[in-house]
C-alpha atoms as a PDB file:
ATOM      1  CA  MET A   1      87.205 143.328 235.134  1.00  0.00           C
ATOM      2  CA  PHE A   2      88.406 144.389 231.733  1.00  0.00           C
ATOM      3  CA  GLU A   3      86.420 146.367 229.218  1.00  0.00           C
ATOM      4  CA  LYS A   4      86.576 145.725 225.512  1.00  0.00           C
ATOM      5  CA  SER A   5      88.281 149.054 224.781  1.00  0.00           C
ATOM      6  CA  GLU A   6      91.009 148.349 227.362  1.00  0.00           C
ATOM      7  CA  LEU A   7      91.707 144.901 225.998  1.00  0.00           C
ATOM      8  CA  SER A   8      91.782 146.110 222.389  1.00  0.00           C
ATOM      9  CA  LYS A   9      94.650 148.467 223.248  1.00  0.00           C
ATOM     10  CA  LYS A  10      96.819 145.654 224.605  1.00  0.00           C
ATOM     11  CA  LEU A  11      99.283 143.583 222.609  1.00  0.00           C
ATOM     12  CA  VAL A  12      98.413 140.048 221.541  1.00  0.00           C
ATOM     13  CA  SER A  13     101.107 138.659 223.847  1.00  0.00           C
ATOM     14  CA  GLU A  14      99.551 140.503 226.805  1.00  0.00           C
ATOM     15  CA  LEU A  15      96.116 139.209 225.859  1.00  0.00           C
ATOM     16  CA  ARG A  16      97.475 135.651 225.747  1.00  0.00           C
ATOM     17  CA  GLU A  17      98.887 136.059 229.258  1.00  0.00           C
ATOM     18  CA  ILE A  18      95.548 137.352 230.535  1.00  0.00           C
ATOM     19  CA  ALA A  19      93.741 134.488 228.810  1.00  0.00           C
ATOM     20  CA  ASN A  20      96.106 131.896 230.268  1.00  0.00           C
ATOM     21  CA  THR A  21      95.664 133.242 233.804  1.00  0.00           C
ATOM     22  CA  ALA A  22      91.894 133.166 233.260  1.00  0.00           C
ATOM     23  CA  GLY A  23      92.115 129.485 232.293  1.00  0.00           C
ATOM     24  CA  ILE A  24      91.420 129.842 228.578  1.00  0.00           C
ATOM     25  CA  THR A  25      93.238 127.240 226.490  1.00  0.00           C
ATOM     26  CA  GLY A  26      94.228 127.260 222.833  1.00  0.00           C
ATOM     27  CA  THR A  27      95.107 130.936 222.752  1.00  0.00           C
ATOM     28  CA  GLU A  28      98.094 130.518 220.413  1.00  0.00           C
ATOM     29  CA  LYS A  29      95.913 130.160 217.318  1.00  0.00           C
ATOM     30  CA  LEU A  30      93.396 132.885 218.139  1.00  0.00           C
ATOM     31  CA  LYS A  31      93.371 136.334 216.572  1.00  0.00           C
ATOM     32  CA  LYS A  32      93.439 139.474 218.711  1.00  0.00           C
ATOM     33  CA  GLN A  33      89.698 140.140 218.464  1.00  0.00           C
ATOM     34  CA  ASP A  34      88.896 136.491 219.274  1.00  0.00           C
ATOM     35  CA  LEU A  35      91.133 136.690 222.357  1.00  0.00           C
ATOM     36  CA  VAL A  36      89.360 139.847 223.510  1.00  0.00           C
ATOM     37  CA  GLU A  37      85.943 138.208 223.105  1.00  0.00           C
ATOM     38  CA  LYS A  38      86.998 135.012 224.903  1.00  0.00           C
ATOM     39  CA  ILE A  39      88.435 136.964 227.830  1.00  0.00           C
ATOM     40  CA  ILE A  40      85.292 139.074 228.185  1.00  0.00           C
ATOM     41  CA  ALA A  41      83.071 135.987 227.918  1.00  0.00           C
ATOM     42  CA  LYS A  42      85.094 134.150 230.570  1.00  0.00           C
ATOM     43  CA  LYS A  43      85.043 137.088 232.978  1.00  0.00           C
ATOM     44  CA  THR A  44      81.302 137.568 232.443  1.00  0.00           C
ATOM     45  CA  THR A  45      80.477 133.929 233.185  1.00  0.00           C
ATOM     46  CA  GLU A  46      82.662 134.001 236.289  1.00  0.00           C
ATOM     47  CA  THR A  47      80.887 137.136 237.491  1.00  0.00           C
ATOM     48  CA  LEU A  48      77.478 135.599 236.886  1.00  0.00           C
ATOM     49  CA  LYS A  49      78.447 132.442 238.772  1.00  0.00           C
ATOM     50  CA  THR A  50      79.607 134.373 241.821  1.00  0.00           C
ATOM     51  CA  GLU A  51      76.487 136.564 241.792  1.00  0.00           C
ATOM     52  CA  SER A  52      74.197 133.547 241.566  1.00  0.00           C
ATOM     53  CA  LYS A  53      75.949 131.968 244.552  1.00  0.00           C
ATOM     54  CA  THR A  54      75.381 135.076 246.657  1.00  0.00           C
ATOM     55  CA  LEU A  55      71.637 135.086 246.043  1.00  0.00           C
ATOM     56  CA  ALA A  56      69.715 133.230 248.716  1.00  0.00           C
ATOM     57  CA  PRO A  57      67.734 130.298 247.350  1.00  0.00           C
ATOM     58  CA  VAL A  58      64.014 130.240 248.021  1.00  0.00           C
ATOM     59  CA  THR A  59      63.170 127.533 250.535  1.00  0.00           C
ATOM     60  CA  ALA A  60      59.874 125.974 251.489  1.00  0.00           C
ATOM     61  CA  THR A  61      59.832 127.962 254.732  1.00  0.00           C
ATOM     62  CA  ASP A  62      59.952 131.254 252.782  1.00  0.00           C
ATOM     63  CA  LYS A  63      56.705 130.496 250.982  1.00  0.00           C
ATOM     64  CA  LYS A  64      53.362 131.228 252.550  1.00  0.00           C
ATOM     65  CA  PRO A  65      50.935 128.314 252.718  1.00  0.00           C
ATOM     66  CA  ARG A  66      48.146 128.503 250.217  1.00  0.00           C
ATOM     67  CA  LYS A  67      44.621 128.881 251.521  1.00  0.00           C
ATOM     68  CA  ARG A  68      42.069 126.358 250.386  1.00  0.00           C
ATOM     69  CA  ILE A  69      38.980 127.855 248.805  1.00  0.00           C
ATOM     70  CA  LEU A  70      35.907 125.723 249.325  1.00  0.00           C
ATOM     71  CA  LYS A  71      33.517 125.370 246.441  1.00  0.00           C
ATOM     72  CA  PRO A  72      29.829 125.631 247.204  1.00  0.00           C
ATOM     73  CA  THR A  73      28.135 122.276 247.646  1.00  0.00           C
ATOM     74  CA  ALA A  74      24.866 121.229 246.079  1.00  0.00           C
ATOM     75  CA  ASP A  75      23.100 121.532 249.461  1.00  0.00           C
ATOM     76  CA  SER A  76      24.158 125.146 249.908  1.00  0.00           C
ATOM     77  CA  LEU A  77      22.984 126.038 246.408  1.00  0.00           C
ATOM     78  CA  PHE A  78      19.448 124.814 246.988  1.00  0.00           C
ATOM     79  CA  LYS A  79      18.831 126.268 250.460  1.00  0.00           C
ATOM     80  CA  ASN A  80      16.696 129.310 250.919  1.00  0.00           C
ATOM     81  CA  PRO A  81      17.767 132.070 253.339  1.00  0.00           C
ATOM     82  CA  ALA A  82      15.763 130.486 256.178  1.00  0.00           C
ATOM     83  CA  GLY A  83      17.965 127.408 255.915  1.00  0.00           C
ATOM     84  CA  GLU A  84      15.284 125.073 254.569  1.00  0.00           C
ATOM     85  CA  LYS A  85      16.087 122.791 251.693  1.00  0.00           C
ATOM     86  CA  LYS A  86      14.301 123.588 248.496  1.00  0.00           C
ATOM     87  CA  SER A  87      13.553 121.003 245.903  1.00  0.00           C
ATOM     88  CA  ARG A  88      15.065 121.533 242.537  1.00  0.00           C
ATOM     89  CA  TYR A  89      11.862 120.670 240.788  1.00  0.00           C
ATOM     90  CA  SER A  90       9.344 122.520 242.925  1.00  0.00           C
ATOM     91  CA  SER A  91       8.030 125.959 242.078  1.00  0.00           C
ATOM     92  CA  ASN A  92       8.641 127.304 245.614  1.00  0.00           C
END
């Protein structure tokens, strides 16, 4: 992969050849700096695409199942430690 400093040292004709082999079109009208930027952008996107293909996608089997948390019911809120039901309205 080319660095900006390397590409800036090359002639415009060499940059056009590199751009054409990289698949960049319309290079005849571009200035030297624009060619350098297009080449770097193209190489960067190609690198990112290949890196994203090498990463393993997360599948459903990779995820752990979520545990269900049970909320307390009304009956469990109004029971005393002995297990007897208390009335909401009594003073017990």
